[in-house]
Each structure stands twice: as C-alpha cells, then as structure tokens.
Amino acid sequence: PLLAGDNISSAFVVPTVASCFDLVIHCGRD
C-alpha cells in the first residue's frame, strides 16, 4: 500500500492490516 503515494505511511497501513486480515493460508510444493 505504500506504493499508492507519499501520503500513505506504515503508521496507517500496519495497524489496518492487523485489524483487517484474520487468516493467512500459505501454499507450496514439495
């Protein structure tokens, strides 16, 4: 999200990600 513009900072993005996403499913190959 920081690529969206100079006015977007980690101070906004990181807490927003923490409150928005609940699960991360990681897929791979053996």
Full PDB file with SEQRES, HELIX, SHEET, SSBOND, CRYST1, ORIGX, SCALE, CONECT and MASTER records, all heavy atoms in Angstrom:
SEQRES   1 A   30  PRO LEU LEU ALA GLY ASP ASN ILE SER SER ALA PHE VAL          
SEQRES   2 A   30  VAL PRO THR VAL ALA SER CYS PHE ASP LEU VAL ILE HIS          
SEQRES   3 A   30  CYS GLY ARG ASP                                              
HELIX    1 AA1 LEU A    2  ALA A    4  5                                   3    
HELIX    2 AA2 SER A   10  CYS A   20  1                                  11    
CRYST1    1.000    1.000    1.000  90.00  90.00  90.00 P 1           1          
ORIGX1      1.000000  0.000000  0.000000        0.00000                         
ORIGX2      0.000000  1.000000  0.000000        0.00000                         
ORIGX3      0.000000  0.000000  1.000000        0.00000                         
SCALE1      1.000000  0.000000  0.000000        0.00000                         
SCALE2      0.000000  1.000000  0.000000        0.00000                         
SCALE3      0.000000  0.000000  1.000000        0.00000                         
ATOM      1  N   PRO A   1       0.803  -1.232   0.000  1.00  0.00           N  
ATOM      2  CA  PRO A   1       0.000   0.000   0.000  1.00  0.00           C  
ATOM      3  C   PRO A   1       0.830   1.274   0.000  1.00  0.00           C  
ATOM      4  O   PRO A   1       0.334   2.333  -0.406  1.00  0.00           O  
ATOM      5  CB  PRO A   1      -0.825  -0.114   1.294  1.00  0.00           C  
ATOM      6  CG  PRO A   1      -0.909  -1.578   1.562  1.00  0.00           C  
ATOM      7  CD  PRO A   1       0.417  -2.120   1.114  1.00  0.00           C  
ATOM      8  N   LEU A   2       2.085   1.184   0.426  1.00  0.00           N  
ATOM      9  CA  LEU A   2       2.941   2.371   0.435  1.00  0.00           C  
ATOM     10  C   LEU A   2       3.225   2.865  -0.980  1.00  0.00           C  
ATOM     11  O   LEU A   2       3.634   4.019  -1.179  1.00  0.00           O  
ATOM     12  CB  LEU A   2       4.256   2.066   1.155  1.00  0.00           C  
ATOM     13  CG  LEU A   2       4.136   1.560   2.599  1.00  0.00           C  
ATOM     14  CD1 LEU A   2       5.515   1.294   3.189  1.00  0.00           C  
ATOM     15  CD2 LEU A   2       3.370   2.566   3.458  1.00  0.00           C  
ATOM     16  N   LEU A   3       3.008   1.994  -1.982  1.00  0.00           N  
ATOM     17  CA  LEU A   3       3.208   2.391  -3.374  1.00  0.00           C  
ATOM     18  C   LEU A   3       2.112   3.327  -3.866  1.00  0.00           C  
ATOM     19  O   LEU A   3       2.233   3.919  -4.938  1.00  0.00           O  
ATOM     20  CB  LEU A   3       3.241   1.144  -4.274  1.00  0.00           C  
ATOM     21  CG  LEU A   3       4.329   0.105  -3.982  1.00  0.00           C  
ATOM     22  CD1 LEU A   3       4.128  -1.131  -4.859  1.00  0.00           C  
ATOM     23  CD2 LEU A   3       5.701   0.702  -4.215  1.00  0.00           C  
ATOM     24  N   ALA A   4       1.043   3.465  -3.093  1.00  0.00           N  
ATOM     25  CA  ALA A   4      -0.088   4.292  -3.529  1.00  0.00           C  
ATOM     26  C   ALA A   4       0.214   5.787  -3.478  1.00  0.00           C  
ATOM     27  O   ALA A   4      -0.477   6.576  -4.113  1.00  0.00           O  
ATOM     28  CB  ALA A   4      -1.323   3.973  -2.691  1.00  0.00           C  
ATOM     29  N   GLY A   5       1.221   6.188  -2.720  1.00  0.00           N  
ATOM     30  CA  GLY A   5       1.551   7.611  -2.645  1.00  0.00           C  
ATOM     31  C   GLY A   5       2.360   7.939  -1.413  1.00  0.00           C  
ATOM     32  O   GLY A   5       2.415   7.170  -0.446  1.00  0.00           O  
ATOM     33  N   ASP A   6       2.978   9.106  -1.440  1.00  0.00           N  
ATOM     34  CA  ASP A   6       3.838   9.527  -0.332  1.00  0.00           C  
ATOM     35  C   ASP A   6       3.052   9.815   0.942  1.00  0.00           C  
ATOM     36  O   ASP A   6       3.621   9.846   2.036  1.00  0.00           O  
ATOM     37  CB  ASP A   6       4.633  10.777  -0.733  1.00  0.00           C  
ATOM     38  CG  ASP A   6       5.613  10.492  -1.867  1.00  0.00           C  
ATOM     39  OD1 ASP A   6       6.002   9.321  -2.020  1.00  0.00           O  
ATOM     40  OD2 ASP A   6       5.970  11.440  -2.606  1.00  0.00           O  
ATOM     41  N   ASN A   7       1.749  10.066   0.789  1.00  0.00           N  
ATOM     42  CA  ASN A   7       0.941  10.382   1.968  1.00  0.00           C  
ATOM     43  C   ASN A   7       0.478   9.150   2.725  1.00  0.00           C  
ATOM     44  O   ASN A   7      -0.190   9.259   3.758  1.00  0.00           O  
ATOM     45  CB  ASN A   7      -0.282  11.212   1.552  1.00  0.00           C  
ATOM     46  CG  ASN A   7      -1.142  10.486   0.543  1.00  0.00           C  
ATOM     47  OD1 ASN A   7      -0.634   9.699  -0.254  1.00  0.00           O  
ATOM     48  ND2 ASN A   7      -2.435  10.762   0.558  1.00  0.00           N  
ATOM     49  N   ILE A   8       0.829   7.956   2.210  1.00  0.00           N  
ATOM     50  CA  ILE A   8       0.484   6.709   2.886  1.00  0.00           C  
ATOM     51  C   ILE A   8       1.692   6.231   3.675  1.00  0.00           C  
ATOM     52  O   ILE A   8       2.786   6.086   3.123  1.00  0.00           O  
ATOM     53  CB  ILE A   8       0.059   5.622   1.882  1.00  0.00           C  
ATOM     54  CG1 ILE A   8      -1.046   6.128   0.959  1.00  0.00           C  
ATOM     55  CG2 ILE A   8      -0.399   4.370   2.612  1.00  0.00           C  
ATOM     56  CD1 ILE A   8      -2.306   6.545   1.682  1.00  0.00           C  
ATOM     57  N   SER A   9       1.504   6.003   4.974  1.00  0.00           N  
ATOM     58  CA  SER A   9       2.632   5.622   5.833  1.00  0.00           C  
ATOM     59  C   SER A   9       2.363   4.298   6.526  1.00  0.00           C  
ATOM     60  O   SER A   9       1.221   3.839   6.627  1.00  0.00           O  
ATOM     61  CB  SER A   9       2.896   6.702   6.879  1.00  0.00           C  
ATOM     62  OG  SER A   9       1.827   6.735   7.811  1.00  0.00           O  
ATOM     63  N   SER A  10       3.432   3.700   7.023  1.00  0.00           N  
ATOM     64  CA  SER A  10       3.316   2.439   7.763  1.00  0.00           C  
ATOM     65  C   SER A  10       2.492   2.598   9.024  1.00  0.00           C  
ATOM     66  O   SER A  10       1.868   1.643   9.497  1.00  0.00           O  
ATOM     67  CB  SER A  10       4.708   1.908   8.124  1.00  0.00           C  
ATOM     68  OG  SER A  10       5.439   1.581   6.969  1.00  0.00           O  
ATOM     69  N   ALA A  11       2.475   3.818   9.573  1.00  0.00           N  
ATOM     70  CA  ALA A  11       1.696   4.065  10.787  1.00  0.00           C  
ATOM     71  C   ALA A  11       0.212   3.800  10.557  1.00  0.00           C  
ATOM     72  O   ALA A  11      -0.518   3.443  11.495  1.00  0.00           O  
ATOM     73  CB  ALA A  11       1.905   5.500  11.256  1.00  0.00           C  
ATOM     74  N   PHE A  12      -0.245   3.983   9.315  1.00  0.00           N  
ATOM     75  CA  PHE A  12      -1.637   3.666   8.980  1.00  0.00           C  
ATOM     76  C   PHE A  12      -1.779   2.234   8.484  1.00  0.00           C  
ATOM     77  O   PHE A  12      -2.711   1.521   8.884  1.00  0.00           O  
ATOM     78  CB  PHE A  12      -2.140   4.631   7.898  1.00  0.00           C  
ATOM     79  CG  PHE A  12      -3.402   4.169   7.224  1.00  0.00           C  
ATOM     80  CD1 PHE A  12      -4.626   4.263   7.863  1.00  0.00           C  
ATOM     81  CD2 PHE A  12      -3.358   3.611   5.950  1.00  0.00           C  
ATOM     82  CE1 PHE A  12      -5.788   3.821   7.244  1.00  0.00           C  
ATOM     83  CE2 PHE A  12      -4.511   3.162   5.322  1.00  0.00           C  
ATOM     84  CZ  PHE A  12      -5.740   3.275   5.973  1.00  0.00           C  
ATOM     85  N   VAL A  13      -0.854   1.798   7.639  1.00  0.00           N  
ATOM     86  CA  VAL A  13      -1.018   0.518   6.960  1.00  0.00           C  
ATOM     87  C   VAL A  13      -0.918  -0.666   7.917  1.00  0.00           C  
ATOM     88  O   VAL A  13      -1.765  -1.575   7.895  1.00  0.00           O  
ATOM     89  CB  VAL A  13       0.021   0.376   5.818  1.00  0.00           C  
ATOM     90  CG1 VAL A  13      -0.037  -1.030   5.225  1.00  0.00           C  
ATOM     91  CG2 VAL A  13      -0.230   1.415   4.746  1.00  0.00           C  
ATOM     92  N   VAL A  14       0.106  -0.696   8.747  1.00  0.00           N  
ATOM     93  CA  VAL A  14       0.354  -1.872   9.590  1.00  0.00           C  
ATOM     94  C   VAL A  14      -0.822  -2.158  10.538  1.00  0.00           C  
ATOM     95  O   VAL A  14      -1.323  -3.297  10.591  1.00  0.00           O  
ATOM     96  CB  VAL A  14       1.680  -1.726  10.362  1.00  0.00           C  
ATOM     97  CG1 VAL A  14       1.849  -2.886  11.343  1.00  0.00           C  
ATOM     98  CG2 VAL A  14       2.854  -1.688   9.385  1.00  0.00           C  
ATOM     99  N   PRO A  15      -1.318  -1.175  11.299  1.00  0.00           N  
ATOM    100  CA  PRO A  15      -2.483  -1.476  12.149  1.00  0.00           C  
ATOM    101  C   PRO A  15      -3.725  -1.859  11.339  1.00  0.00           C  
ATOM    102  O   PRO A  15      -4.536  -2.675  11.809  1.00  0.00           O  
ATOM    103  CB  PRO A  15      -2.711  -0.165  12.916  1.00  0.00           C  
ATOM    104  CG  PRO A  15      -1.433   0.579  12.820  1.00  0.00           C  
ATOM    105  CD  PRO A  15      -0.829   0.193  11.503  1.00  0.00           C  
ATOM    106  N   THR A  16      -3.859  -1.285  10.143  1.00  0.00           N  
ATOM    107  CA  THR A  16      -5.017  -1.616   9.303  1.00  0.00           C  
ATOM    108  C   THR A  16      -4.955  -3.061   8.847  1.00  0.00           C  
ATOM    109  O   THR A  16      -5.966  -3.786   8.859  1.00  0.00           O  
ATOM    110  CB  THR A  16      -5.082  -0.678   8.084  1.00  0.00           C  
ATOM    111  OG1 THR A  16      -5.126   0.681   8.528  1.00  0.00           O  
ATOM    112  CG2 THR A  16      -6.321  -0.961   7.250  1.00  0.00           C  
ATOM    113  N   VAL A  17      -3.767  -3.516   8.428  1.00  0.00           N  
ATOM    114  CA  VAL A  17      -3.603  -4.921   8.043  1.00  0.00           C  
ATOM    115  C   VAL A  17      -3.906  -5.830   9.231  1.00  0.00           C  
ATOM    116  O   VAL A  17      -4.595  -6.854   9.098  1.00  0.00           O  
ATOM    117  CB  VAL A  17      -2.179  -5.177   7.508  1.00  0.00           C  
ATOM    118  CG1 VAL A  17      -1.926  -6.677   7.340  1.00  0.00           C  
ATOM    119  CG2 VAL A  17      -1.957  -4.463   6.184  1.00  0.00           C  
ATOM    120  N   ALA A  18      -3.413  -5.458  10.396  1.00  0.00           N  
ATOM    121  CA  ALA A  18      -3.626  -6.275  11.598  1.00  0.00           C  
ATOM    122  C   ALA A  18      -5.105  -6.414  11.935  1.00  0.00           C  
ATOM    123  O   ALA A  18      -5.550  -7.480  12.390  1.00  0.00           O  
ATOM    124  CB  ALA A  18      -2.873  -5.669  12.776  1.00  0.00           C  
ATOM    125  N   SER A  19      -5.876  -5.367  11.696  1.00  0.00           N  
ATOM    126  CA  SER A  19      -7.301  -5.414  12.040  1.00  0.00           C  
ATOM    127  C   SER A  19      -8.159  -5.977  10.918  1.00  0.00           C  
ATOM    128  O   SER A  19      -9.269  -6.451  11.174  1.00  0.00           O  
ATOM    129  CB  SER A  19      -7.799  -4.007  12.402  1.00  0.00           C  
ATOM    130  OG  SER A  19      -7.680  -3.134  11.283  1.00  0.00           O  
ATOM    131  N   CYS A  20      -7.639  -5.930   9.668  1.00  0.00           N  
ATOM    132  CA  CYS A  20      -8.436  -6.378   8.513  1.00  0.00           C  
ATOM    133  C   CYS A  20      -8.344  -7.885   8.296  1.00  0.00           C  
ATOM    134  O   CYS A  20      -9.362  -8.567   8.163  1.00  0.00           O  
ATOM    135  CB  CYS A  20      -7.991  -5.653   7.240  1.00  0.00           C  
ATOM    136  SG  CYS A  20      -8.534  -3.951   7.156  1.00  0.00           S  
ATOM    137  N   PHE A  21      -7.142  -8.403   8.202  1.00  0.00           N  
ATOM    138  CA  PHE A  21      -6.970  -9.812   7.860  1.00  0.00           C  
ATOM    139  C   PHE A  21      -7.018 -10.681   9.118  1.00  0.00           C  
ATOM    140  O   PHE A  21      -6.484 -10.326  10.167  1.00  0.00           O  
ATOM    141  CB  PHE A  21      -5.655 -10.035   7.117  1.00  0.00           C  
ATOM    142  CG  PHE A  21      -5.705  -9.629   5.679  1.00  0.00           C  
ATOM    143  CD1 PHE A  21      -5.128  -8.450   5.263  1.00  0.00           C  
ATOM    144  CD2 PHE A  21      -6.359 -10.421   4.733  1.00  0.00           C  
ATOM    145  CE1 PHE A  21      -5.194  -8.057   3.937  1.00  0.00           C  
ATOM    146  CE2 PHE A  21      -6.434 -10.045   3.408  1.00  0.00           C  
ATOM    147  CZ  PHE A  21      -5.850  -8.858   3.006  1.00  0.00           C  
ATOM    148  N   ASP A  22      -7.662 -11.828   8.945  1.00  0.00           N  
ATOM    149  CA  ASP A  22      -7.798 -12.772  10.056  1.00  0.00           C  
ATOM    150  C   ASP A  22      -6.925 -14.013   9.870  1.00  0.00           C  
ATOM    151  O   ASP A  22      -6.356 -14.519  10.833  1.00  0.00           O  
ATOM    152  CB  ASP A  22      -9.258 -13.209  10.189  1.00  0.00           C  
ATOM    153  CG  ASP A  22     -10.199 -12.033  10.382  1.00  0.00           C  
ATOM    154  OD1 ASP A  22     -10.007 -11.301  11.366  1.00  0.00           O  
ATOM    155  OD2 ASP A  22     -11.102 -11.839   9.552  1.00  0.00           O  
ATOM    156  N   LEU A  23      -6.842 -14.511   8.623  1.00  0.00           N  
ATOM    157  CA  LEU A  23      -6.107 -15.745   8.345  1.00  0.00           C  
ATOM    158  C   LEU A  23      -5.149 -15.546   7.185  1.00  0.00           C  
ATOM    159  O   LEU A  23      -5.435 -14.800   6.247  1.00  0.00           O  
ATOM    160  CB  LEU A  23      -7.061 -16.887   7.978  1.00  0.00           C  
ATOM    161  CG  LEU A  23      -8.030 -17.414   9.034  1.00  0.00           C  
ATOM    162  CD1 LEU A  23      -8.900 -18.511   8.433  1.00  0.00           C  
ATOM    163  CD2 LEU A  23      -7.269 -17.942  10.236  1.00  0.00           C  
ATOM    164  N   VAL A  24      -4.021 -16.263   7.234  1.00  0.00           N  
ATOM    165  CA  VAL A  24      -3.087 -16.362   6.110  1.00  0.00           C  
ATOM    166  C   VAL A  24      -2.877 -17.845   5.829  1.00  0.00           C  
ATOM    167  O   VAL A  24      -2.461 -18.604   6.706  1.00  0.00           O  
ATOM    168  CB  VAL A  24      -1.725 -15.700   6.408  1.00  0.00           C  
ATOM    169  CG1 VAL A  24      -0.829 -15.774   5.180  1.00  0.00           C  
ATOM    170  CG2 VAL A  24      -1.912 -14.257   6.837  1.00  0.00           C  
ATOM    171  N   ILE A  25      -3.194 -18.251   4.600  1.00  0.00           N  
ATOM    172  CA  ILE A  25      -3.005 -19.644   4.164  1.00  0.00           C  
ATOM    173  C   ILE A  25      -1.823 -19.656   3.209  1.00  0.00           C  
ATOM    174  O   ILE A  25      -1.879 -19.030   2.137  1.00  0.00           O  
ATOM    175  CB  ILE A  25      -4.258 -20.189   3.456  1.00  0.00           C  
ATOM    176  CG1 ILE A  25      -5.487 -20.053   4.340  1.00  0.00           C  
ATOM    177  CG2 ILE A  25      -4.051 -21.637   3.037  1.00  0.00           C  
ATOM    178  CD1 ILE A  25      -6.788 -20.349   3.625  1.00  0.00           C  
ATOM    179  N   HIS A  26      -0.767 -20.358   3.574  1.00  0.00           N  
ATOM    180  CA  HIS A  26       0.412 -20.400   2.714  1.00  0.00           C  
ATOM    181  C   HIS A  26       0.481 -21.730   1.961  1.00  0.00           C  
ATOM    182  O   HIS A  26       0.466 -22.806   2.571  1.00  0.00           O  
ATOM    183  CB  HIS A  26       1.696 -20.205   3.514  1.00  0.00           C  
ATOM    184  CG  HIS A  26       2.926 -20.148   2.649  1.00  0.00           C  
ATOM    185  ND1 HIS A  26       3.182 -19.096   1.796  1.00  0.00           N  
ATOM    186  CD2 HIS A  26       3.952 -21.023   2.476  1.00  0.00           C  
ATOM    187  CE1 HIS A  26       4.312 -19.316   1.151  1.00  0.00           C  
ATOM    188  NE2 HIS A  26       4.787 -20.487   1.537  1.00  0.00           N  
ATOM    189  N   CYS A  27       0.532 -21.649   0.644  1.00  0.00           N  
ATOM    190  CA  CYS A  27       0.583 -22.828  -0.221  1.00  0.00           C  
ATOM    191  C   CYS A  27       1.996 -23.017  -0.761  1.00  0.00           C  
ATOM    192  O   CYS A  27       2.740 -22.053  -0.957  1.00  0.00           O  
ATOM    193  CB  CYS A  27      -0.392 -22.672  -1.397  1.00  0.00           C  
ATOM    194  SG  CYS A  27      -2.095 -22.335  -0.919  1.00  0.00           S  
ATOM    195  N   GLY A  28       2.356 -24.256  -1.024  1.00  0.00           N  
ATOM    196  CA  GLY A  28       3.681 -24.550  -1.567  1.00  0.00           C  
ATOM    197  C   GLY A  28       3.682 -25.858  -2.331  1.00  0.00           C  
ATOM    198  O   GLY A  28       2.641 -26.495  -2.516  1.00  0.00           O  
ATOM    199  N   ARG A  29       4.866 -26.253  -2.782  1.00  0.00           N  
ATOM    200  CA  ARG A  29       5.039 -27.521  -3.497  1.00  0.00           C  
ATOM    201  C   ARG A  29       6.183 -28.289  -2.851  1.00  0.00           C  
ATOM    202  O   ARG A  29       7.200 -27.699  -2.459  1.00  0.00           O  
ATOM    203  CB  ARG A  29       5.355 -27.278  -4.975  1.00  0.00           C  
ATOM    204  CG  ARG A  29       4.218 -26.644  -5.751  1.00  0.00           C  
ATOM    205  CD  ARG A  29       4.420 -26.772  -7.243  1.00  0.00           C  
ATOM    206  NE  ARG A  29       5.644 -26.124  -7.694  1.00  0.00           N  
ATOM    207  CZ  ARG A  29       6.110 -26.182  -8.934  1.00  0.00           C  
ATOM    208  NH1 ARG A  29       5.453 -26.893  -9.841  1.00  0.00           N  
ATOM    209  NH2 ARG A  29       7.206 -25.559  -9.273  1.00  0.00           N  
ATOM    210  N   ASP A  30       6.011 -29.606  -2.744  1.00  0.00           N  
ATOM    211  CA  ASP A  30       7.091 -30.410  -2.189  1.00  0.00           C  
ATOM    212  C   ASP A  30       8.124 -30.721  -3.274  1.00  0.00           C  
ATOM    213  O   ASP A  30       8.033 -30.219  -4.402  1.00  0.00           O  
ATOM    214  CB  ASP A  30       6.543 -31.688  -1.546  1.00  0.00           C  
ATOM    215  CG  ASP A  30       5.824 -32.594  -2.545  1.00  0.00           C  
ATOM    216  OD1 ASP A  30       6.030 -32.442  -3.768  1.00  0.00           O  
ATOM    217  OD2 ASP A  30       5.048 -33.468  -2.104  1.00  0.00           O  
TER     218      ASP A  30                                                      
MASTER        0    0    0    2    0    0    0    6  217    1    0    3          
END                                                                             
